[in-house]
Protein backbone atom coordinates (compact mmCIF):
# COMPACT_ATOMS: atom_id res chain seq x y z
CA MET A 1 126.27 -53.54 49.93
CA ASN A 2 123.14 -51.58 50.82
CA HIS A 3 121.93 -51.02 47.22
CA PRO A 4 118.37 -52.10 47.32
CA SER A 5 118.50 -53.61 43.80
CA LYS A 6 121.36 -55.64 44.63
CA ARG A 7 119.53 -57.00 47.77
CA GLU A 8 116.55 -57.87 45.57
CA PHE A 9 118.89 -59.58 43.12
CA PHE A 10 120.35 -61.77 45.91
CA ASP A 11 117.14 -62.32 47.51
CA LYS A 12 115.66 -63.73 44.34
CA GLU A 13 118.63 -65.84 43.64
CA ALA A 14 118.85 -67.28 47.13
CA CYS A 15 116.85 -70.39 46.48
CA GLY A 16 119.18 -72.95 45.57
CA TRP A 17 122.19 -70.37 45.60
CA ASP A 18 124.69 -73.08 46.51
CA ASP A 19 123.32 -75.67 44.17
CA ARG A 20 126.04 -74.20 41.77
CA TYR A 21 128.64 -76.04 43.84
CA HIS A 22 129.02 -79.51 42.43
CA GLN A 23 130.50 -82.45 44.51
CA GLU A 24 134.09 -81.87 43.21
CA ASP A 25 133.61 -78.19 44.04
CA LYS A 26 132.84 -79.26 47.69
CA LEU A 27 135.91 -81.32 47.85
CA GLU A 28 137.87 -78.17 46.73
CA LEU A 29 136.01 -76.20 49.40
CA GLN A 30 137.35 -78.54 52.05
CA LYS A 31 140.95 -78.01 50.86
CA LEU A 32 140.28 -74.26 50.90
CA VAL A 33 139.22 -74.32 54.48
CA ASP A 34 142.22 -76.43 55.36
CA ARG A 35 144.29 -73.28 54.31
CA PHE A 36 142.54 -71.12 56.80
CA ASP A 37 144.62 -72.51 59.72
CA LEU A 38 141.54 -72.80 62.00
CA ARG A 39 141.92 -74.33 65.50
CA SER A 40 139.50 -75.83 67.96
CA GLY A 41 137.75 -73.42 70.10
CA GLU A 42 138.18 -70.27 67.87
CA CYS A 43 135.49 -67.98 66.79
CA VAL A 44 134.93 -67.55 63.09
CA LEU A 45 132.76 -64.86 61.31
CA ASP A 46 131.72 -65.90 57.74
CA LEU A 47 130.90 -62.85 55.72
CA GLY A 48 128.39 -63.12 52.83
CA THR A 49 127.60 -66.58 54.01
CA GLY A 50 124.87 -67.11 51.42
CA ASN A 51 123.15 -70.37 51.88
CA GLY A 52 125.91 -71.47 54.45
CA ILE A 53 128.15 -73.42 52.01
CA LEU A 54 131.13 -72.97 54.22
CA ILE A 55 129.50 -73.51 57.45
CA PRO A 56 129.92 -77.36 57.95
CA TYR A 57 133.66 -77.07 57.16
CA LEU A 58 134.31 -74.25 59.53
CA LEU A 59 132.46 -76.04 62.29
CA ARG A 60 134.37 -79.18 61.73
CA LYS A 61 137.47 -77.09 62.26
CA VAL A 62 136.55 -75.00 65.38
CA LYS A 63 134.78 -78.13 66.96
CA LYS A 64 132.16 -77.85 69.93
CA LYS A 65 134.25 -75.46 71.77
CA GLY A 66 134.48 -72.92 69.02
CA LYS A 67 131.66 -70.89 67.38
CA VAL A 68 130.82 -69.84 63.88
CA VAL A 69 128.64 -66.76 62.91
CA GLY A 70 127.37 -66.40 59.33
CA VAL A 71 126.53 -62.87 58.13
CA ASP A 72 124.47 -61.93 54.96
CA PHE A 73 122.76 -58.91 53.85
CA SER A 74 119.99 -60.89 52.05
CA TRP A 75 117.47 -62.26 54.26
CA ASN A 76 116.44 -64.93 51.89
CA MET A 77 120.09 -66.06 51.98
CA VAL A 78 119.95 -66.15 55.79
CA ARG A 79 116.70 -68.14 55.79
CA GLY A 80 118.47 -70.68 53.30
CA ALA A 81 121.68 -70.81 55.56
CA THR A 82 119.38 -71.89 58.65
CA LYS A 83 119.38 -75.38 56.80
CA ALA A 84 123.21 -75.49 57.03
CA SER A 85 123.61 -76.52 60.56
CA ILE A 86 121.54 -76.97 63.68
CA GLU A 87 124.56 -76.91 65.92
CA GLU A 88 124.35 -74.79 69.01
CA ASN A 89 127.55 -73.11 68.26
CA PHE A 90 126.44 -71.64 65.13
CA CYS A 91 124.19 -68.44 64.51
CA LEU A 92 123.29 -66.21 61.61
CA VAL A 93 122.99 -62.41 61.40
CA ASN A 94 121.13 -60.49 58.64
CA ALA A 95 123.63 -57.48 58.22
CA SER A 96 125.88 -55.58 55.81
CA VAL A 97 129.37 -56.26 55.60
CA GLU A 98 129.95 -52.58 55.79
CA ALA A 99 128.18 -52.13 59.05
CA LEU A 100 128.63 -55.20 61.26
CA PRO A 101 126.71 -55.26 64.51
CA MET A 102 129.51 -56.99 66.51
CA LYS A 103 131.90 -55.61 69.12
CA GLY A 104 135.46 -55.03 68.21
CA GLN A 105 138.20 -57.61 68.68
CA THR A 106 135.63 -60.41 68.95
CA PHE A 107 136.76 -63.01 66.27
CA ASP A 108 139.82 -65.17 65.56
CA CYS A 109 139.19 -65.51 62.04
CA THR A 110 137.06 -63.88 59.32
CA THR A 111 136.22 -65.61 55.93
CA CYS A 112 134.70 -64.18 52.78
CA LEU A 113 133.87 -66.51 50.09
CA ASP A 114 132.57 -65.28 46.63
CA THR A 115 131.26 -62.05 48.18
CA PHE A 116 133.83 -59.25 48.17
CA ALA A 117 133.35 -58.16 44.55
CA HIS A 118 129.79 -57.59 45.26
CA VAL A 119 130.53 -55.25 48.33
CA ASP A 120 130.03 -51.44 47.27
CA ASP A 121 132.17 -49.83 49.80
CA LYS A 122 135.15 -52.04 49.95
CA LYS A 123 137.18 -49.87 51.99
CA GLU A 124 134.58 -49.55 54.82
CA ALA A 125 134.07 -53.40 54.64
CA LEU A 126 137.76 -54.06 55.23
CA ASN A 127 137.65 -51.40 58.07
CA GLU A 128 134.93 -53.46 59.68
CA MET A 129 136.80 -56.55 59.18
CA GLY A 130 139.79 -55.20 60.94
CA ARG A 131 137.73 -53.80 63.81
CA ILE A 132 136.10 -57.17 64.71
CA LEU A 133 139.19 -59.19 64.42
CA LYS A 134 141.17 -59.91 67.67
CA GLU A 135 144.93 -59.27 67.75
CA ARG A 136 146.73 -61.55 65.56
CA GLY A 137 143.39 -62.61 63.93
CA ARG A 138 143.27 -63.91 60.39
CA LEU A 139 141.40 -62.56 57.28
CA TYR A 140 140.63 -64.67 54.26
CA ILE A 141 138.88 -63.09 51.26
CA VAL A 142 138.33 -65.77 48.50
CA HIS A 143 136.47 -65.99 45.03
CA THR A 144 136.42 -69.42 43.18
CA LEU A 145 137.47 -67.47 39.99
CA GLY A 146 140.45 -65.32 39.40
CA LYS A 147 140.16 -61.67 39.15
CA LYS A 148 139.80 -61.49 35.29
CA GLU A 149 137.56 -64.36 34.90
CA LEU A 150 135.14 -63.13 37.78
CA ALA A 151 134.90 -59.77 36.03
CA ASP A 152 134.10 -61.60 32.70
CA ARG A 153 131.46 -63.66 34.52
CA HIS A 154 129.89 -60.71 36.13
CA LYS A 155 129.78 -58.83 32.92
CA GLU A 156 127.96 -61.82 30.99
CA ILE A 157 125.48 -61.97 33.92
CA GLY A 158 124.80 -58.17 33.61
CA GLY A 159 122.47 -56.19 35.53
CA VAL A 160 123.33 -54.93 39.16
CA VAL A 161 126.47 -57.17 39.24
CA GLN A 162 127.97 -56.33 35.89
CA ASN A 163 130.38 -53.97 37.37
CA ASP A 164 131.25 -56.04 40.45
CA VAL A 165 134.99 -56.45 40.33
CA LEU A 166 137.91 -56.94 42.54
CA PRO A 167 140.29 -54.00 43.20
CA PRO A 168 143.89 -53.99 41.83
CA ASP A 169 146.16 -55.69 44.33
CA TRP A 170 147.98 -52.21 45.02
CA LYS A 171 144.65 -50.74 45.98
CA MET A 172 143.59 -53.75 48.01
CA ARG A 173 146.90 -53.77 49.80
CA ALA A 174 146.48 -50.05 50.66
CA MET A 175 143.06 -50.37 52.11
CA MET A 176 143.93 -53.44 54.16
CA LYS A 177 146.99 -51.59 55.82
CA GLN A 178 144.71 -48.67 56.32
CA ALA A 179 142.24 -51.26 58.22
CA GLY A 180 145.26 -52.37 60.54
CA LEU A 181 145.84 -55.51 58.57
CA ARG A 182 149.41 -56.97 57.74
CA ASP A 183 151.23 -59.90 56.24
CA ILE A 184 149.08 -59.56 53.26
CA HIS A 185 149.46 -62.25 50.49
CA PHE A 186 147.73 -62.64 47.12
CA ILE A 187 146.91 -65.48 45.03
CA ASP A 188 145.25 -64.94 41.64
CA GLN A 189 144.87 -67.65 39.24
CA GLN A 190 142.19 -68.74 36.81
CA ASP A 191 140.26 -70.75 39.28
CA LEU A 192 141.09 -68.98 42.53
CA TYR A 193 141.55 -65.47 44.07
CA MET A 194 142.62 -65.27 47.52
CA VAL A 195 143.95 -62.61 49.79
CA SER A 196 145.07 -63.28 53.23
CA ALA A 197 146.08 -61.11 56.24
CA LYS A 198 146.54 -60.95 59.79
CA LYS A 199 145.74 -58.06 62.29
């Protein structure tokens, strides 16, 4: 996701980005995080963290002994996410999903909310996700719209995101297997897209 015009788009949209989540949406986010099977003491990487909408939910799950690292390629998004938490076991990194500045086999779980469709090199991003996960680590890629609904929304928005779509399931599965991921499962309904996998 290194395209400069796309970075400019998200830098511009950063202020109030998570205001699009209403109270009922936040209740659904809590239910979503409950699906991630997070445990106390685990280390979680939240890719495309935006303004940090998932951070409080993730921190509640891993508790004080765990750690959450948020990554976003938009500096303005990262600045907004600093308001999400002041916990000592939370930090932010300004980086691209396709080139993560972390050592391999570092994280127990990787989450990616409303981001993956915007990633330009999806194969490389999945390789990076596989690289940084520990053995038996879990990966969750989620969008709060189904594949078709998301494509329609991005086409409506236009500009640099008009062609940001999710890959067909067969292609996604193949890329994930090449990244060393297994136990791949898909959900694609009108209000939720989720693919989960293990290393």
